Amino acid sequence: MKTTPEHNERIANMTFAEVYPHYVTKIERKGRTLEELHQVIEWLTGFDAEKIQQSIDEKINFKTFFERANLNTNANLITGVICGYRIEEIENPITKQTRYLDKLVDELAKGRKMEKILRQ
């Protein structure tokens, strides 16, 4: 499934603050910890817990979030389907990076080992 310009714009304009609580709920419901979630976010973006909180407090959108991020060089190893989209086929960089994060959170919630999630 290909993303549309409208879809890409909607993703870019969503705030990290509005999605983050859903990540927390998802992983905690499956017995994972906030520390593990932060480890995954830090691996992908380079943001420590303080930067994550700052992003929430500032209510920045995903476009700004990923512009500020120092994306992990192994992020391209994140593949598969998330929300009906094959990550490798997404062309828009912000949408792709957001789906990387979604995929990592999904893997964490599904109980995957941290070494595999962090592509080590």
N, C-alpha and C. Protein backbone atom coordinates (compact mmCIF):
# COMPACT_ATOMS: atom_id res chain seq x y z
N MET A 1 0.84 -1.17 0.00
CA MET A 1 0.00 0.00 0.00
C MET A 1 0.89 1.25 0.00
N LYS A 2 0.60 2.18 -0.87
CA LYS A 2 1.39 3.41 -0.98
C LYS A 2 0.78 4.50 -0.12
N THR A 3 1.63 5.31 0.48
CA THR A 3 1.13 6.43 1.26
C THR A 3 0.73 7.57 0.31
N THR A 4 -0.24 8.36 0.74
CA THR A 4 -0.68 9.51 -0.04
C THR A 4 -0.08 10.77 0.56
N PRO A 5 -0.04 11.86 -0.21
CA PRO A 5 0.46 13.13 0.36
C PRO A 5 -0.33 13.55 1.61
N GLU A 6 -1.63 13.29 1.61
CA GLU A 6 -2.45 13.65 2.77
C GLU A 6 -2.05 12.83 3.99
N HIS A 7 -1.82 11.53 3.75
CA HIS A 7 -1.39 10.64 4.83
C HIS A 7 -0.05 11.11 5.40
N ASN A 8 0.89 11.42 4.52
CA ASN A 8 2.21 11.87 4.95
C ASN A 8 2.12 13.16 5.75
N GLU A 9 1.25 14.06 5.31
CA GLU A 9 1.10 15.34 6.02
C GLU A 9 0.48 15.11 7.40
N ARG A 10 -0.50 14.23 7.47
CA ARG A 10 -1.15 13.93 8.75
C ARG A 10 -0.14 13.35 9.74
N ILE A 11 0.70 12.43 9.27
CA ILE A 11 1.73 11.83 10.13
C ILE A 11 2.72 12.91 10.59
N ALA A 12 3.20 13.72 9.67
CA ALA A 12 4.18 14.76 10.01
C ALA A 12 3.65 15.76 11.02
N ASN A 13 2.35 16.03 10.98
CA ASN A 13 1.76 17.03 11.85
C ASN A 13 1.25 16.49 13.19
N MET A 14 1.22 15.16 13.34
CA MET A 14 0.85 14.59 14.64
C MET A 14 1.93 14.93 15.65
N THR A 15 1.53 15.23 16.88
CA THR A 15 2.55 15.54 17.88
C THR A 15 3.02 14.26 18.57
N PHE A 16 4.28 14.27 18.89
CA PHE A 16 4.85 13.15 19.64
C PHE A 16 4.11 13.00 20.97
N ALA A 17 3.73 14.12 21.58
CA ALA A 17 3.04 14.10 22.88
C ALA A 17 1.71 13.37 22.82
N GLU A 18 1.01 13.43 21.68
CA GLU A 18 -0.29 12.75 21.60
C GLU A 18 -0.14 11.25 21.34
N VAL A 19 0.98 10.82 20.78
CA VAL A 19 1.19 9.40 20.48
C VAL A 19 1.92 8.68 21.60
N TYR A 20 2.82 9.38 22.28
CA TYR A 20 3.64 8.77 23.33
C TYR A 20 2.83 8.01 24.38
N PRO A 21 1.72 8.58 24.91
CA PRO A 21 0.95 7.81 25.91
C PRO A 21 0.42 6.48 25.37
N HIS A 22 0.13 6.43 24.08
CA HIS A 22 -0.31 5.17 23.47
C HIS A 22 0.82 4.14 23.46
N TYR A 23 2.04 4.61 23.19
CA TYR A 23 3.21 3.72 23.25
C TYR A 23 3.35 3.16 24.67
N VAL A 24 3.25 4.04 25.67
CA VAL A 24 3.41 3.63 27.06
C VAL A 24 2.35 2.59 27.44
N THR A 25 1.10 2.87 27.12
CA THR A 25 0.01 1.95 27.43
C THR A 25 0.24 0.60 26.77
N LYS A 26 0.62 0.63 25.51
CA LYS A 26 0.82 -0.60 24.74
C LYS A 26 1.89 -1.48 25.35
N ILE A 27 3.03 -0.90 25.68
CA ILE A 27 4.14 -1.72 26.19
C ILE A 27 3.91 -2.16 27.63
N GLU A 28 3.31 -1.28 28.45
CA GLU A 28 3.07 -1.65 29.85
C GLU A 28 2.02 -2.74 29.96
N ARG A 29 1.01 -2.70 29.08
CA ARG A 29 -0.04 -3.72 29.08
C ARG A 29 0.56 -5.10 28.79
N LYS A 30 1.68 -5.12 28.07
CA LYS A 30 2.33 -6.38 27.73
C LYS A 30 3.49 -6.72 28.66
N GLY A 31 3.62 -5.96 29.76
CA GLY A 31 4.62 -6.28 30.77
C GLY A 31 6.01 -5.70 30.51
N ARG A 32 6.12 -4.79 29.57
CA ARG A 32 7.42 -4.14 29.33
C ARG A 32 7.47 -2.84 30.12
N THR A 33 8.67 -2.28 30.27
CA THR A 33 8.84 -1.12 31.14
C THR A 33 9.07 0.17 30.35
N LEU A 34 8.86 1.27 31.06
CA LEU A 34 9.11 2.59 30.49
C LEU A 34 10.59 2.74 30.13
N GLU A 35 11.45 2.16 30.93
CA GLU A 35 12.89 2.21 30.65
C GLU A 35 13.21 1.52 29.33
N GLU A 36 12.55 0.39 29.07
CA GLU A 36 12.76 -0.31 27.80
C GLU A 36 12.25 0.53 26.63
N LEU A 37 11.11 1.17 26.81
CA LEU A 37 10.58 2.05 25.76
C LEU A 37 11.56 3.17 25.47
N HIS A 38 12.09 3.78 26.53
CA HIS A 38 13.05 4.88 26.35
C HIS A 38 14.33 4.38 25.69
N GLN A 39 14.73 3.16 26.01
CA GLN A 39 15.92 2.58 25.38
C GLN A 39 15.71 2.44 23.87
N VAL A 40 14.53 2.01 23.48
CA VAL A 40 14.20 1.84 22.06
C VAL A 40 14.17 3.20 21.36
N ILE A 41 13.53 4.18 21.99
CA ILE A 41 13.45 5.52 21.40
C ILE A 41 14.85 6.13 21.30
N GLU A 42 15.65 5.95 22.33
CA GLU A 42 17.02 6.49 22.31
C GLU A 42 17.85 5.82 21.22
N TRP A 43 17.70 4.52 21.05
CA TRP A 43 18.45 3.82 20.00
C TRP A 43 18.12 4.40 18.63
N LEU A 44 16.83 4.64 18.38
CA LEU A 44 16.42 5.14 17.07
C LEU A 44 16.77 6.60 16.86
N THR A 45 16.56 7.44 17.89
CA THR A 45 16.65 8.89 17.70
C THR A 45 17.86 9.56 18.34
N GLY A 46 18.47 8.90 19.30
CA GLY A 46 19.55 9.53 20.06
C GLY A 46 19.03 10.35 21.23
N PHE A 47 17.70 10.39 21.45
CA PHE A 47 17.11 11.17 22.53
C PHE A 47 17.11 10.39 23.84
N ASP A 48 17.71 10.98 24.88
CA ASP A 48 17.64 10.38 26.20
C ASP A 48 16.29 10.73 26.84
N ALA A 49 16.07 10.27 28.06
CA ALA A 49 14.78 10.49 28.73
C ALA A 49 14.45 11.98 28.85
N GLU A 50 15.46 12.80 29.09
CA GLU A 50 15.25 14.25 29.22
C GLU A 50 14.77 14.85 27.89
N LYS A 51 15.40 14.45 26.80
CA LYS A 51 15.02 14.95 25.46
C LYS A 51 13.63 14.45 25.07
N ILE A 52 13.32 13.22 25.47
CA ILE A 52 11.98 12.68 25.19
C ILE A 52 10.94 13.53 25.91
N GLN A 53 11.19 13.80 27.20
CA GLN A 53 10.26 14.63 27.97
C GLN A 53 10.15 16.03 27.40
N GLN A 54 11.27 16.59 26.97
CA GLN A 54 11.27 17.93 26.36
C GLN A 54 10.41 17.93 25.09
N SER A 55 10.50 16.89 24.30
CA SER A 55 9.70 16.77 23.08
C SER A 55 8.21 16.71 23.41
N ILE A 56 7.88 16.04 24.51
CA ILE A 56 6.49 15.96 24.95
C ILE A 56 6.02 17.33 25.45
N ASP A 57 6.84 17.96 26.28
CA ASP A 57 6.47 19.26 26.86
C ASP A 57 6.29 20.34 25.79
N GLU A 58 7.13 20.29 24.77
CA GLU A 58 7.05 21.28 23.69
C GLU A 58 5.94 20.97 22.69
N LYS A 59 5.37 19.77 22.82
CA LYS A 59 4.32 19.31 21.89
C LYS A 59 4.74 19.45 20.42
N ILE A 60 5.97 19.01 20.16
CA ILE A 60 6.48 19.09 18.78
C ILE A 60 5.85 17.99 17.93
N ASN A 61 5.72 18.27 16.65
CA ASN A 61 5.16 17.28 15.74
C ASN A 61 6.26 16.31 15.31
N PHE A 62 5.85 15.23 14.63
CA PHE A 62 6.83 14.22 14.23
C PHE A 62 7.85 14.78 13.24
N LYS A 63 7.45 15.74 12.43
CA LYS A 63 8.40 16.35 11.48
C LYS A 63 9.56 16.97 12.26
N THR A 64 9.23 17.79 13.25
CA THR A 64 10.26 18.43 14.07
C THR A 64 11.01 17.40 14.90
N PHE A 65 10.30 16.44 15.44
CA PHE A 65 10.90 15.38 16.26
C PHE A 65 12.02 14.69 15.49
N PHE A 66 11.73 14.28 14.26
CA PHE A 66 12.74 13.56 13.50
C PHE A 66 13.78 14.48 12.87
N GLU A 67 13.45 15.75 12.67
CA GLU A 67 14.47 16.70 12.21
C GLU A 67 15.53 16.90 13.29
N ARG A 68 15.11 16.85 14.55
CA ARG A 68 16.03 17.03 15.68
C ARG A 68 16.78 15.74 16.02
N ALA A 69 16.26 14.63 15.58
CA ALA A 69 16.85 13.33 15.92
C ALA A 69 18.14 13.06 15.16
N ASN A 70 18.96 12.25 15.77
CA ASN A 70 20.16 11.73 15.12
C ASN A 70 19.86 10.25 14.86
N LEU A 71 19.22 9.98 13.71
CA LEU A 71 18.71 8.65 13.42
C LEU A 71 19.84 7.60 13.40
N ASN A 72 19.59 6.50 14.05
CA ASN A 72 20.56 5.41 14.11
C ASN A 72 20.89 4.93 12.69
N THR A 73 22.16 4.69 12.45
CA THR A 73 22.60 4.24 11.12
C THR A 73 22.02 2.89 10.74
N ASN A 74 21.60 2.09 11.73
CA ASN A 74 21.00 0.79 11.44
C ASN A 74 19.48 0.83 11.33
N ALA A 75 18.90 2.02 11.33
CA ALA A 75 17.44 2.14 11.25
C ALA A 75 16.90 1.49 9.98
N ASN A 76 17.69 1.52 8.93
CA ASN A 76 17.23 0.91 7.66
C ASN A 76 17.06 -0.60 7.76
N LEU A 77 17.54 -1.20 8.85
CA LEU A 77 17.36 -2.64 9.05
C LEU A 77 15.97 -2.97 9.60
N ILE A 78 15.20 -1.93 9.95
CA ILE A 78 13.83 -2.12 10.44
C ILE A 78 12.95 -2.33 9.22
N THR A 79 12.40 -3.51 9.12
CA THR A 79 11.57 -3.86 7.96
C THR A 79 10.29 -4.52 8.42
N GLY A 80 9.41 -4.72 7.48
CA GLY A 80 8.16 -5.41 7.80
C GLY A 80 6.97 -4.51 7.57
N VAL A 81 5.83 -4.98 8.03
CA VAL A 81 4.57 -4.27 7.82
C VAL A 81 4.11 -3.67 9.14
N ILE A 82 3.71 -2.41 9.08
CA ILE A 82 3.14 -1.73 10.24
C ILE A 82 1.98 -0.87 9.75
N CYS A 83 0.85 -1.02 10.39
CA CYS A 83 -0.36 -0.26 10.02
C CYS A 83 -0.73 -0.44 8.54
N GLY A 84 -0.45 -1.63 8.02
CA GLY A 84 -0.80 -1.92 6.64
C GLY A 84 0.20 -1.44 5.61
N TYR A 85 1.30 -0.85 6.04
CA TYR A 85 2.32 -0.33 5.12
C TYR A 85 3.61 -1.11 5.28
N ARG A 86 4.22 -1.51 4.18
CA ARG A 86 5.53 -2.15 4.20
C ARG A 86 6.55 -1.03 4.36
N ILE A 87 7.28 -1.04 5.46
CA ILE A 87 8.21 0.04 5.81
C ILE A 87 9.22 0.31 4.69
N GLU A 88 9.74 -0.75 4.11
CA GLU A 88 10.78 -0.59 3.08
C GLU A 88 10.26 0.17 1.86
N GLU A 89 8.96 0.18 1.65
CA GLU A 89 8.39 0.82 0.46
C GLU A 89 7.93 2.24 0.69
N ILE A 90 7.97 2.71 1.93
CA ILE A 90 7.54 4.08 2.23
C ILE A 90 8.61 5.04 1.73
N GLU A 91 8.21 6.00 0.91
CA GLU A 91 9.17 6.94 0.32
C GLU A 91 9.36 8.21 1.14
N ASN A 92 8.30 8.70 1.78
CA ASN A 92 8.40 9.93 2.55
C ASN A 92 9.24 9.68 3.81
N PRO A 93 10.32 10.44 4.01
CA PRO A 93 11.23 10.17 5.13
C PRO A 93 10.58 10.30 6.52
N ILE A 94 9.73 11.30 6.73
CA ILE A 94 9.11 11.47 8.05
C ILE A 94 8.15 10.32 8.33
N THR A 95 7.36 9.95 7.34
CA THR A 95 6.43 8.84 7.51
C THR A 95 7.21 7.56 7.77
N LYS A 96 8.28 7.35 7.05
CA LYS A 96 9.10 6.14 7.23
C LYS A 96 9.71 6.10 8.63
N GLN A 97 10.25 7.22 9.09
CA GLN A 97 10.87 7.27 10.41
C GLN A 97 9.84 7.06 11.52
N THR A 98 8.64 7.63 11.31
CA THR A 98 7.57 7.43 12.29
C THR A 98 7.17 5.96 12.34
N ARG A 99 7.10 5.33 11.19
CA ARG A 99 6.76 3.89 11.14
C ARG A 99 7.88 3.03 11.71
N TYR A 100 9.15 3.48 11.58
CA TYR A 100 10.25 2.78 12.26
C TYR A 100 9.94 2.73 13.77
N LEU A 101 9.61 3.89 14.32
CA LEU A 101 9.33 3.97 15.75
C LEU A 101 8.14 3.09 16.12
N ASP A 102 7.08 3.16 15.32
CA ASP A 102 5.90 2.31 15.57
C ASP A 102 6.28 0.83 15.58
N LYS A 103 7.10 0.44 14.63
CA LYS A 103 7.51 -0.97 14.50
C LYS A 103 8.32 -1.41 15.72
N LEU A 104 9.24 -0.55 16.17
CA LEU A 104 10.05 -0.89 17.34
C LEU A 104 9.17 -1.04 18.58
N VAL A 105 8.20 -0.15 18.75
CA VAL A 105 7.29 -0.24 19.89
C VAL A 105 6.46 -1.52 19.79
N ASP A 106 6.01 -1.86 18.60
CA ASP A 106 5.27 -3.12 18.40
C ASP A 106 6.11 -4.33 18.80
N GLU A 107 7.35 -4.33 18.35
CA GLU A 107 8.24 -5.45 18.66
C GLU A 107 8.47 -5.55 20.17
N LEU A 108 8.61 -4.42 20.83
CA LEU A 108 8.80 -4.40 22.28
C LEU A 108 7.56 -4.98 22.96
N ALA A 109 6.39 -4.53 22.52
CA ALA A 109 5.13 -5.01 23.11
C ALA A 109 4.91 -6.50 22.86
N LYS A 110 5.42 -7.00 21.75
CA LYS A 110 5.24 -8.42 21.43
C LYS A 110 6.23 -9.32 22.16
N GLY A 111 7.10 -8.72 22.97
CA GLY A 111 8.01 -9.52 23.78
C GLY A 111 9.31 -9.89 23.09
N ARG A 112 9.61 -9.26 21.98
CA ARG A 112 10.85 -9.57 21.28
C ARG A 112 12.04 -9.19 22.15
N LYS A 113 13.12 -9.92 22.03
CA LYS A 113 14.32 -9.63 22.81
C LYS A 113 14.91 -8.29 22.37
N MET A 114 15.44 -7.57 23.35
CA MET A 114 15.98 -6.23 23.10
C MET A 114 17.10 -6.24 22.06
N GLU A 115 17.95 -7.29 22.06
CA GLU A 115 19.05 -7.35 21.08
C GLU A 115 18.50 -7.36 19.65
N LYS A 116 17.38 -8.06 19.46
CA LYS A 116 16.76 -8.14 18.13
C LYS A 116 16.10 -6.82 17.77
N ILE A 117 15.41 -6.21 18.74
CA ILE A 117 14.74 -4.93 18.49
C ILE A 117 15.77 -3.89 18.08
N LEU A 118 16.92 -3.87 18.76
CA LEU A 118 17.95 -2.88 18.50
C LEU A 118 18.90 -3.30 17.38
N ARG A 119 18.50 -4.32 16.66
CA ARG A 119 19.23 -4.76 15.45
C ARG A 119 20.71 -4.99 15.72
N GLN A 120 21.00 -5.74 16.81
CA GLN A 120 22.40 -6.01 17.16
C GLN A 120 22.81 -7.39 16.71
